[in-house]
Each structure stands twice: as structure tokens, then as C-alpha cells.
Amino acid sequence: MEEQLLLRAKNGEQEAFSQLVEMHLKTVEKFAFQIGVLPTDIDDVTQEVFLKVYRFIHKHDRGKFTTWLYSVTMNVVRDFYRKEQQMKRKTVEFQRYAEKQTYIEDYFDEDSKELHAMIQKLDERYRIPIILHYFHGLQYQEIADVLEVTEGAIKTRMLRAKQKLKAEYEKEGVQL
């Protein structure tokens, strides 16, 4: 029966593949746990195993399917934890780097930092057009296309955003 399911799955029959997954799901989960996969990662590893099986089922051409399935599972587990270790290293490196300097401190003077903070306080509907226009050079019609609104709506939002920023600056005691 397994051989017939395998042959049908290789021919693209989704129901046969689903039956193979159902038949071997517990085997993959149990094996993954037994070779050291953390209980919190078993679902992710199992899903990745069956994605690989789906993508490469046509390459299984001899031997027992379960033997190949164990091999795929071991490779997925190795890759999973290798990627996890890389992410941990990158996170540690990033944290060390972030402690030394931040993006805003490296690239903005005090006035720019203040403007950035005020822009960030704006509602998204005003903040996004301001950023796209002044910092990315988009024209009003391009912004309208990005946000899927009319150019008139962008003009209104830009006017209101400028008014809000001006009011915030005046509240801070800065004359424009």
C-alpha cells in the first residue's frame, strides 16, 4: 500500500501525499524528538521535513521510503539547528554593535533627531507621505499610488502633517 501511495504521490496526486504524511507524521515527530529536537521545535521541524519530502519525492527511487524519510529528517534537524545557531550569533553580534552605536546617532544631528522624533509621533496616514516625499523623493501622485488613495488625499495629508509638525515645533519653542 505504501508503495502505491508513493507512486501516486510522485505523479502529483495530493490525496496520496496527504495519506503518506498522515501515515508517517508520528514517526517523524518521534524520531526528531529522539535525536534531540526540543519539544517546542518539533512542529517546525516536522513541517520542514514534509515540505522537503514534497519537493524532492521524485528523487526517491530505491529503498524503503521510511529510510529516506529518516535521512531527510536528520538533514532537516541539522539545518534547523545550524540556522538557529547562526541567528543566535547574529543576534549577539547585533546586540554588541547596538550597544556601541545606534543608527540615529551615527547619521543624524540633533535637529534631525528632533524632527525624526516628531515625525514618528504623527499618525501613520500623515507620517508615511511625509517620509516618502521628503526623504525618498516621491511625487504626490507616486505616493498616492503607493498608498492606493487619490492625489488629492495625499495633498490634504501633507498639508495637515506640515501643520501638525509646525504646531509641535512651536510648542517646543522653535520658531520656523
N, C-alpha and C. Protein backbone atom coordinates (compact mmCIF):
# COMPACT_ATOMS: atom_id res chain seq x y z
N MET A 1 0.83 -1.19 0.00
CA MET A 1 0.00 0.00 0.00
C MET A 1 0.87 1.26 0.00
N GLU A 2 1.94 1.26 0.83
CA GLU A 2 2.82 2.42 0.89
C GLU A 2 3.46 2.68 -0.47
N GLU A 3 3.86 1.63 -1.16
CA GLU A 3 4.49 1.77 -2.47
C GLU A 3 3.52 2.40 -3.47
N GLN A 4 2.26 2.00 -3.41
CA GLN A 4 1.26 2.58 -4.32
C GLN A 4 1.04 4.06 -4.00
N LEU A 5 0.95 4.38 -2.71
CA LEU A 5 0.80 5.78 -2.31
C LEU A 5 1.99 6.60 -2.78
N LEU A 6 3.16 6.05 -2.62
CA LEU A 6 4.38 6.74 -3.03
C LEU A 6 4.37 7.00 -4.53
N LEU A 7 4.02 6.01 -5.30
CA LEU A 7 3.96 6.15 -6.75
C LEU A 7 2.93 7.21 -7.14
N ARG A 8 1.75 7.16 -6.51
CA ARG A 8 0.71 8.16 -6.81
C ARG A 8 1.15 9.56 -6.39
N ALA A 9 1.83 9.66 -5.26
CA ALA A 9 2.32 10.97 -4.79
C ALA A 9 3.37 11.51 -5.76
N LYS A 10 4.23 10.65 -6.25
CA LYS A 10 5.24 11.07 -7.23
C LYS A 10 4.60 11.61 -8.50
N ASN A 11 3.43 11.09 -8.82
CA ASN A 11 2.70 11.53 -10.01
C ASN A 11 1.85 12.77 -9.73
N GLY A 12 2.02 13.33 -8.54
CA GLY A 12 1.36 14.59 -8.24
C GLY A 12 0.00 14.49 -7.59
N GLU A 13 -0.38 13.31 -7.16
CA GLU A 13 -1.69 13.15 -6.54
C GLU A 13 -1.64 13.63 -5.09
N GLN A 14 -2.32 14.71 -4.82
CA GLN A 14 -2.28 15.34 -3.49
C GLN A 14 -2.84 14.43 -2.39
N GLU A 15 -3.89 13.74 -2.69
CA GLU A 15 -4.50 12.87 -1.68
C GLU A 15 -3.53 11.77 -1.25
N ALA A 16 -2.80 11.22 -2.19
CA ALA A 16 -1.81 10.18 -1.87
C ALA A 16 -0.71 10.75 -0.98
N PHE A 17 -0.26 11.96 -1.32
CA PHE A 17 0.78 12.59 -0.48
C PHE A 17 0.24 12.85 0.93
N SER A 18 -0.98 13.33 1.03
CA SER A 18 -1.59 13.57 2.34
C SER A 18 -1.65 12.29 3.16
N GLN A 19 -1.98 11.20 2.51
CA GLN A 19 -2.04 9.92 3.22
C GLN A 19 -0.65 9.49 3.69
N LEU A 20 0.37 9.73 2.86
CA LEU A 20 1.75 9.42 3.26
C LEU A 20 2.14 10.25 4.49
N VAL A 21 1.80 11.52 4.47
CA VAL A 21 2.10 12.38 5.61
C VAL A 21 1.40 11.85 6.85
N GLU A 22 0.13 11.57 6.73
CA GLU A 22 -0.64 11.07 7.87
C GLU A 22 -0.05 9.76 8.40
N MET A 23 0.38 8.91 7.48
CA MET A 23 0.93 7.62 7.85
C MET A 23 2.25 7.75 8.61
N HIS A 24 3.06 8.78 8.28
CA HIS A 24 4.42 8.89 8.82
C HIS A 24 4.64 10.08 9.75
N LEU A 25 3.60 10.83 10.02
CA LEU A 25 3.74 12.02 10.85
C LEU A 25 4.30 11.69 12.23
N LYS A 26 3.70 10.76 12.89
CA LYS A 26 4.16 10.39 14.25
C LYS A 26 5.57 9.83 14.24
N THR A 27 5.92 9.11 13.19
CA THR A 27 7.27 8.55 13.07
C THR A 27 8.31 9.67 13.02
N VAL A 28 8.03 10.70 12.21
CA VAL A 28 8.96 11.82 12.08
C VAL A 28 9.04 12.58 13.40
N GLU A 29 7.90 12.85 14.01
CA GLU A 29 7.90 13.57 15.29
C GLU A 29 8.68 12.81 16.36
N LYS A 30 8.43 11.51 16.45
CA LYS A 30 9.11 10.68 17.46
C LYS A 30 10.61 10.64 17.20
N PHE A 31 11.01 10.43 15.96
CA PHE A 31 12.42 10.36 15.63
C PHE A 31 13.10 11.71 15.91
N ALA A 32 12.45 12.79 15.51
CA ALA A 32 13.02 14.12 15.75
C ALA A 32 13.24 14.34 17.25
N PHE A 33 12.27 13.98 18.05
CA PHE A 33 12.40 14.12 19.50
C PHE A 33 13.55 13.26 20.01
N GLN A 34 13.63 12.04 19.52
CA GLN A 34 14.65 11.11 19.99
C GLN A 34 16.07 11.54 19.62
N ILE A 35 16.22 12.28 18.53
CA ILE A 35 17.57 12.72 18.17
C ILE A 35 17.88 14.12 18.71
N GLY A 36 17.01 14.63 19.59
CA GLY A 36 17.34 15.84 20.32
C GLY A 36 16.60 17.11 19.98
N VAL A 37 15.59 17.03 19.15
CA VAL A 37 14.82 18.23 18.84
C VAL A 37 13.99 18.60 20.07
N LEU A 38 14.04 19.87 20.41
CA LEU A 38 13.27 20.35 21.55
C LEU A 38 11.78 20.23 21.26
N PRO A 39 11.00 19.91 22.28
CA PRO A 39 9.55 19.78 22.06
C PRO A 39 8.92 21.02 21.40
N THR A 40 9.44 22.19 21.70
CA THR A 40 8.90 23.42 21.12
C THR A 40 9.22 23.55 19.63
N ASP A 41 10.21 22.79 19.15
CA ASP A 41 10.62 22.87 17.75
C ASP A 41 10.12 21.71 16.89
N ILE A 42 9.50 20.72 17.51
CA ILE A 42 9.11 19.51 16.76
C ILE A 42 8.14 19.84 15.63
N ASP A 43 7.16 20.69 15.87
CA ASP A 43 6.20 21.02 14.80
C ASP A 43 6.90 21.69 13.62
N ASP A 44 7.81 22.62 13.90
CA ASP A 44 8.53 23.32 12.83
C ASP A 44 9.40 22.35 12.03
N VAL A 45 10.12 21.49 12.74
CA VAL A 45 10.99 20.52 12.08
C VAL A 45 10.16 19.56 11.24
N THR A 46 9.07 19.07 11.80
CA THR A 46 8.22 18.11 11.09
C THR A 46 7.64 18.75 9.83
N GLN A 47 7.20 19.98 9.94
CA GLN A 47 6.67 20.67 8.78
C GLN A 47 7.74 20.81 7.70
N GLU A 48 8.93 21.18 8.10
CA GLU A 48 10.03 21.34 7.14
C GLU A 48 10.38 19.99 6.50
N VAL A 49 10.34 18.91 7.27
CA VAL A 49 10.61 17.58 6.72
C VAL A 49 9.64 17.26 5.60
N PHE A 50 8.36 17.47 5.86
CA PHE A 50 7.37 17.11 4.85
C PHE A 50 7.36 18.08 3.67
N LEU A 51 7.79 19.31 3.88
CA LEU A 51 7.98 20.22 2.74
C LEU A 51 9.10 19.71 1.84
N LYS A 52 10.18 19.27 2.46
CA LYS A 52 11.31 18.72 1.68
C LYS A 52 10.88 17.44 0.96
N VAL A 53 10.15 16.58 1.66
CA VAL A 53 9.67 15.35 1.04
C VAL A 53 8.81 15.69 -0.18
N TYR A 54 7.93 16.67 -0.02
CA TYR A 54 7.05 17.07 -1.12
C TYR A 54 7.87 17.58 -2.31
N ARG A 55 8.86 18.40 -2.02
CA ARG A 55 9.67 18.98 -3.10
C ARG A 55 10.56 17.96 -3.80
N PHE A 56 11.02 16.95 -3.05
CA PHE A 56 12.01 16.03 -3.61
C PHE A 56 11.54 14.58 -3.70
N ILE A 57 10.25 14.36 -3.57
CA ILE A 57 9.74 12.98 -3.59
C ILE A 57 10.10 12.28 -4.90
N HIS A 58 10.21 13.03 -5.97
CA HIS A 58 10.56 12.42 -7.26
C HIS A 58 11.98 11.87 -7.26
N LYS A 59 12.82 12.30 -6.33
CA LYS A 59 14.21 11.82 -6.27
C LYS A 59 14.33 10.49 -5.52
N HIS A 60 13.30 10.13 -4.77
CA HIS A 60 13.35 8.83 -4.08
C HIS A 60 13.06 7.75 -5.12
N ASP A 61 14.09 6.96 -5.41
CA ASP A 61 13.90 5.97 -6.47
C ASP A 61 14.23 4.55 -6.05
N ARG A 62 14.80 4.36 -4.88
CA ARG A 62 15.07 2.98 -4.44
C ARG A 62 15.10 2.92 -2.92
N GLY A 63 14.95 1.72 -2.42
CA GLY A 63 14.96 1.53 -0.97
C GLY A 63 13.63 1.88 -0.35
N LYS A 64 13.59 1.64 0.95
CA LYS A 64 12.36 1.92 1.68
C LYS A 64 12.14 3.42 1.83
N PHE A 65 10.90 3.82 1.73
CA PHE A 65 10.55 5.23 1.88
C PHE A 65 10.91 5.73 3.27
N THR A 66 10.68 4.89 4.30
CA THR A 66 10.97 5.33 5.67
C THR A 66 12.46 5.57 5.88
N THR A 67 13.30 4.80 5.22
CA THR A 67 14.74 5.01 5.33
C THR A 67 15.10 6.39 4.80
N TRP A 68 14.55 6.72 3.65
CA TRP A 68 14.77 8.04 3.07
C TRP A 68 14.19 9.12 3.97
N LEU A 69 13.04 8.86 4.53
CA LEU A 69 12.38 9.83 5.42
C LEU A 69 13.24 10.11 6.65
N TYR A 70 13.87 9.09 7.22
CA TYR A 70 14.77 9.29 8.37
C TYR A 70 15.96 10.16 7.95
N SER A 71 16.47 9.91 6.77
CA SER A 71 17.60 10.69 6.27
C SER A 71 17.21 12.16 6.08
N VAL A 72 16.07 12.39 5.49
CA VAL A 72 15.58 13.75 5.31
C VAL A 72 15.40 14.42 6.67
N THR A 73 14.85 13.71 7.62
CA THR A 73 14.62 14.26 8.96
C THR A 73 15.94 14.66 9.61
N MET A 74 16.94 13.81 9.52
CA MET A 74 18.24 14.15 10.12
C MET A 74 18.83 15.40 9.47
N ASN A 75 18.74 15.49 8.15
CA ASN A 75 19.28 16.66 7.46
C ASN A 75 18.52 17.93 7.84
N VAL A 76 17.22 17.83 7.95
CA VAL A 76 16.42 18.99 8.35
C VAL A 76 16.78 19.43 9.76
N VAL A 77 16.95 18.48 10.66
CA VAL A 77 17.32 18.80 12.05
C VAL A 77 18.67 19.51 12.08
N ARG A 78 19.64 19.00 11.34
CA ARG A 78 20.96 19.65 11.29
C ARG A 78 20.84 21.08 10.77
N ASP A 79 20.12 21.24 9.67
CA ASP A 79 19.95 22.57 9.08
C ASP A 79 19.21 23.51 10.04
N PHE A 80 18.20 22.98 10.68
CA PHE A 80 17.38 23.79 11.59
C PHE A 80 18.23 24.36 12.71
N TYR A 81 19.02 23.52 13.34
CA TYR A 81 19.84 23.99 14.46
C TYR A 81 21.05 24.78 14.00
N ARG A 82 21.54 24.50 12.80
CA ARG A 82 22.63 25.31 12.25
C ARG A 82 22.12 26.74 12.03
N LYS A 83 20.95 26.87 11.45
CA LYS A 83 20.36 28.19 11.23
C LYS A 83 20.07 28.88 12.56
N GLU A 84 19.60 28.12 13.52
CA GLU A 84 19.32 28.70 14.84
C GLU A 84 20.60 29.23 15.48
N GLN A 85 21.69 28.48 15.36
CA GLN A 85 22.97 28.93 15.91
C GLN A 85 23.45 30.19 15.19
N GLN A 86 23.28 30.24 13.87
CA GLN A 86 23.66 31.43 13.12
C GLN A 86 22.85 32.64 13.59
N MET A 87 21.56 32.44 13.81
CA MET A 87 20.72 33.54 14.28
C MET A 87 21.15 34.00 15.66
N LYS A 88 21.51 33.07 16.53
CA LYS A 88 21.96 33.44 17.87
C LYS A 88 23.25 34.26 17.78
N ARG A 89 24.18 33.81 16.93
CA ARG A 89 25.43 34.55 16.76
C ARG A 89 25.17 35.95 16.21
N LYS A 90 24.32 36.03 15.21
CA LYS A 90 24.00 37.33 14.63
C LYS A 90 23.32 38.24 15.64
N THR A 91 22.45 37.67 16.46
CA THR A 91 21.77 38.46 17.49
C THR A 91 22.77 39.00 18.50
N VAL A 92 23.69 38.16 18.92
CA VAL A 92 24.71 38.59 19.87
C VAL A 92 25.58 39.68 19.24
N GLU A 93 25.99 39.49 18.00
CA GLU A 93 26.79 40.49 17.31
C GLU A 93 26.03 41.80 17.18
N PHE A 94 24.76 41.70 16.82
CA PHE A 94 23.95 42.90 16.68
C PHE A 94 23.80 43.63 18.01
N GLN A 95 23.58 42.87 19.07
CA GLN A 95 23.43 43.50 20.39
C GLN A 95 24.72 44.21 20.79
N ARG A 96 25.86 43.58 20.53
CA ARG A 96 27.14 44.24 20.82
C ARG A 96 27.30 45.51 20.01
N TYR A 97 26.95 45.42 18.75
CA TYR A 97 27.05 46.58 17.88
C TYR A 97 26.08 47.68 18.33
N ALA A 98 24.84 47.29 18.66
CA ALA A 98 23.83 48.26 19.07
C ALA A 98 24.22 48.97 20.35
N GLU A 99 24.93 48.28 21.23
CA GLU A 99 25.38 48.92 22.46
C GLU A 99 26.40 50.00 22.17
N LYS A 100 27.21 49.79 21.15
CA LYS A 100 28.27 50.76 20.82
C LYS A 100 27.70 51.98 20.11
N GLN A 101 26.75 51.76 19.24
CA GLN A 101 26.22 52.87 18.47
C GLN A 101 24.84 52.54 17.95
N THR A 102 24.10 53.57 17.65
CA THR A 102 22.79 53.35 17.05
C THR A 102 22.73 54.08 15.73
N TYR A 103 21.85 53.64 14.90
CA TYR A 103 21.71 54.22 13.56
C TYR A 103 21.45 55.72 13.64
N ILE A 104 20.52 56.09 14.47
CA ILE A 104 20.14 57.50 14.54
C ILE A 104 21.30 58.37 15.02
N GLU A 105 22.10 57.87 15.94
CA GLU A 105 23.22 58.66 16.45
C GLU A 105 24.31 58.82 15.39
N ASP A 106 24.48 57.84 14.55
CA ASP A 106 25.52 57.88 13.52
C ASP A 106 25.16 58.78 12.35
N TYR A 107 23.89 58.87 12.02
CA TYR A 107 23.51 59.51 10.78
C TYR A 107 22.73 60.81 10.93
N PHE A 108 22.36 61.20 12.13
CA PHE A 108 21.54 62.39 12.31
C PHE A 108 22.16 63.34 13.32
N ASP A 109 22.08 64.65 13.02
CA ASP A 109 22.49 65.65 14.01
C ASP A 109 21.31 65.88 14.97
N GLU A 110 21.47 66.75 15.95
CA GLU A 110 20.44 66.96 16.97
C GLU A 110 19.12 67.43 16.38
N ASP A 111 19.17 68.40 15.44
CA ASP A 111 17.94 68.89 14.82
C ASP A 111 17.22 67.77 14.07
N SER A 112 17.99 66.96 13.37
CA SER A 112 17.40 65.86 12.61
C SER A 112 16.78 64.82 13.54
N LYS A 113 17.43 64.57 14.66
CA LYS A 113 16.88 63.62 15.64
C LYS A 113 15.54 64.13 16.17
N GLU A 114 15.49 65.43 16.44
CA GLU A 114 14.27 66.03 16.95
C GLU A 114 13.15 65.94 15.92
N LEU A 115 13.48 66.25 14.66
CA LEU A 115 12.50 66.15 13.58
C LEU A 115 12.03 64.71 13.42
N HIS A 116 12.97 63.78 13.46
CA HIS A 116 12.62 62.36 13.34
C HIS A 116 11.64 61.95 14.45
N ALA A 117 11.92 62.37 15.67
CA ALA A 117 11.04 62.03 16.80
C ALA A 117 9.65 62.61 16.59
N MET A 118 9.57 63.84 16.09
CA MET A 118 8.27 64.46 15.85
C MET A 118 7.51 63.77 14.73
N ILE A 119 8.22 63.40 13.68
CA ILE A 119 7.58 62.69 12.57
C ILE A 119 7.04 61.35 13.06
N GLN A 120 7.79 60.68 13.91
CA GLN A 120 7.36 59.38 14.43
C GLN A 120 6.10 59.48 15.27
N LYS A 121 5.85 60.65 15.85
CA LYS A 121 4.65 60.86 16.67
C LYS A 121 3.40 61.04 15.81
N LEU A 122 3.59 61.40 14.53
CA LEU A 122 2.44 61.61 13.65
C LEU A 122 1.70 60.29 13.42
N ASP A 123 0.41 60.42 13.20
CA ASP A 123 -0.40 59.28 12.79
C ASP A 123 0.17 58.74 11.47
N GLU A 124 0.08 57.46 11.26
CA GLU A 124 0.65 56.82 10.07
C GLU A 124 0.18 57.46 8.78
N ARG A 125 -1.07 57.89 8.71
CA ARG A 125 -1.59 58.47 7.47
C ARG A 125 -0.91 59.78 7.10
N TYR A 126 -0.30 60.44 8.09
CA TYR A 126 0.46 61.66 7.82
C TYR A 126 1.96 61.37 7.75
N ARG A 127 2.42 60.45 8.57
CA ARG A 127 3.84 60.13 8.66
C ARG A 127 4.38 59.55 7.35
N ILE A 128 3.68 58.57 6.80
CA ILE A 128 4.16 57.88 5.61
C ILE A 128 4.31 58.84 4.42
N PRO A 129 3.31 59.67 4.10
CA PRO A 129 3.51 60.60 2.98
C PRO A 129 4.69 61.56 3.19
N ILE A 130 4.84 62.07 4.42
CA ILE A 130 5.97 62.98 4.71
C ILE A 130 7.29 62.28 4.43
N ILE A 131 7.43 61.07 4.92
CA ILE A 131 8.68 60.31 4.74
C ILE A 131 8.92 60.02 3.27
N LEU A 132 7.88 59.55 2.57
CA LEU A 132 8.06 59.21 1.16
C LEU A 132 8.40 60.44 0.32
N HIS A 133 7.81 61.58 0.65
CA HIS A 133 8.05 62.78 -0.15
C HIS A 133 9.41 63.41 0.16
N TYR A 134 9.67 63.68 1.42
CA TYR A 134 10.86 64.44 1.78
C TYR A 134 12.13 63.60 1.90
N PHE A 135 11.99 62.34 2.25
CA PHE A 135 13.19 61.52 2.47
C PHE A 135 13.45 60.51 1.36
N HIS A 136 12.42 60.26 0.52
CA HIS A 136 12.61 59.31 -0.58
C HIS A 136 12.32 59.93 -1.93
N GLY A 137 11.95 61.21 -1.95
CA GLY A 137 11.81 61.96 -3.18
C GLY A 137 10.62 61.60 -4.06
N LEU A 138 9.60 60.97 -3.52
CA LEU A 138 8.44 60.61 -4.33
C LEU A 138 7.54 61.82 -4.53
N GLN A 139 6.96 61.91 -5.71
CA GLN A 139 5.98 62.94 -6.02
C GLN A 139 4.64 62.53 -5.41
N TYR A 140 3.74 63.51 -5.30
CA TYR A 140 2.44 63.24 -4.68
C TYR A 140 1.68 62.10 -5.38
N GLN A 141 1.70 62.08 -6.72
CA GLN A 141 0.99 61.03 -7.43
C GLN A 141 1.61 59.66 -7.15
N GLU A 142 2.93 59.59 -7.04
CA GLU A 142 3.59 58.32 -6.72
C GLU A 142 3.20 57.84 -5.32
N ILE A 143 3.13 58.77 -4.38
CA ILE A 143 2.72 58.43 -3.02
C ILE A 143 1.28 57.93 -3.03
N ALA A 144 0.44 58.60 -3.81
CA ALA A 144 -0.96 58.18 -3.92
C ALA A 144 -1.04 56.76 -4.46
N ASP A 145 -0.19 56.44 -5.43
CA ASP A 145 -0.18 55.09 -5.99
C ASP A 145 0.27 54.07 -4.94
N VAL A 146 1.29 54.42 -4.18
CA VAL A 146 1.80 53.51 -3.15
C VAL A 146 0.72 53.24 -2.10
N LEU A 147 0.05 54.30 -1.67
CA LEU A 147 -0.94 54.18 -0.59
C LEU A 147 -2.34 53.86 -1.09
N GLU A 148 -2.47 53.80 -2.42
CA GLU A 148 -3.75 53.48 -3.06
C GLU A 148 -4.86 54.44 -2.64
N VAL A 149 -4.54 55.73 -2.70
CA VAL A 149 -5.51 56.80 -2.45
C VAL A 149 -5.37 57.82 -3.58
N THR A 150 -6.20 58.85 -3.55
CA THR A 150 -6.11 59.87 -4.59
C THR A 150 -4.97 60.84 -4.30
N GLU A 151 -4.54 61.53 -5.35
CA GLU A 151 -3.51 62.55 -5.18
C GLU A 151 -4.04 63.66 -4.27
N GLY A 152 -5.32 63.97 -4.39
CA GLY A 152 -5.93 64.99 -3.53
C GLY A 152 -5.83 64.61 -2.06
N ALA A 153 -6.03 63.32 -1.77
CA ALA A 153 -5.92 62.86 -0.38
C ALA A 153 -4.50 63.05 0.13
N ILE A 154 -3.52 62.82 -0.73
CA ILE A 154 -2.12 62.99 -0.34
C ILE A 154 -1.83 64.47 -0.08
N LYS A 155 -2.34 65.35 -0.93
CA LYS A 155 -2.13 66.78 -0.73
C LYS A 155 -2.71 67.21 0.61
N THR A 156 -3.89 66.73 0.93
CA THR A 156 -4.53 67.06 2.20
C THR A 156 -3.71 66.53 3.37
N ARG A 157 -3.28 65.29 3.26
CA ARG A 157 -2.49 64.69 4.33
C ARG A 157 -1.16 65.42 4.53
N MET A 158 -0.53 65.79 3.43
CA MET A 158 0.74 66.52 3.53
C MET A 158 0.53 67.87 4.22
N LEU A 159 -0.53 68.59 3.85
CA LEU A 159 -0.83 69.87 4.46
C LEU A 159 -1.06 69.71 5.96
N ARG A 160 -1.86 68.74 6.33
CA ARG A 160 -2.15 68.50 7.75
C ARG A 160 -0.90 68.05 8.50
N ALA A 161 -0.08 67.23 7.87
CA ALA A 161 1.15 66.78 8.52
C ALA A 161 2.07 67.96 8.80
N LYS A 162 2.20 68.84 7.81
CA LYS A 162 3.05 70.02 7.99
C LYS A 162 2.50 70.91 9.10
N GLN A 163 1.18 71.06 9.13
CA GLN A 163 0.57 71.87 10.19
C GLN A 163 0.84 71.26 11.56
N LYS A 164 0.72 69.96 11.67
CA LYS A 164 0.96 69.28 12.95
C LYS A 164 2.43 69.42 13.37
N LEU A 165 3.34 69.26 12.41
CA LEU A 165 4.76 69.40 12.73
C LEU A 165 5.09 70.83 13.14
N LYS A 166 4.51 71.80 12.45
CA LYS A 166 4.74 73.20 12.78
C LYS A 166 4.23 73.50 14.19
N ALA A 167 3.03 73.01 14.49
CA ALA A 167 2.46 73.23 15.82
C ALA A 167 3.33 72.59 16.90
N GLU A 168 3.87 71.41 16.61
CA GLU A 168 4.73 70.72 17.57
C GLU A 168 6.03 71.50 17.78
N TYR A 169 6.59 72.01 16.71
CA TYR A 169 7.81 72.83 16.83
C TYR A 169 7.53 74.08 17.64
N GLU A 170 6.41 74.73 17.37
CA GLU A 170 6.08 75.96 18.12
C GLU A 170 5.84 75.65 19.59
N LYS A 171 5.25 74.50 19.85
CA LYS A 171 5.03 74.08 21.24
C LYS A 171 6.36 73.89 21.96
N GLU A 172 7.35 73.43 21.21
CA GLU A 172 8.69 73.22 21.77
C GLU A 172 9.47 74.52 21.87
N GLY A 173 8.90 75.59 21.31
CA GLY A 173 9.56 76.89 21.40
C GLY A 173 10.48 77.22 20.25
N VAL A 174 10.40 76.45 19.17
CA VAL A 174 11.24 76.69 17.99
C VAL A 174 10.42 77.47 16.99
N GLN A 175 10.92 78.61 16.55
CA GLN A 175 10.23 79.42 15.55
C GLN A 175 10.71 79.01 14.16
N LEU A 176 9.78 78.84 13.26
CA LEU A 176 10.10 78.47 11.87
C LEU A 176 10.00 79.66 10.96
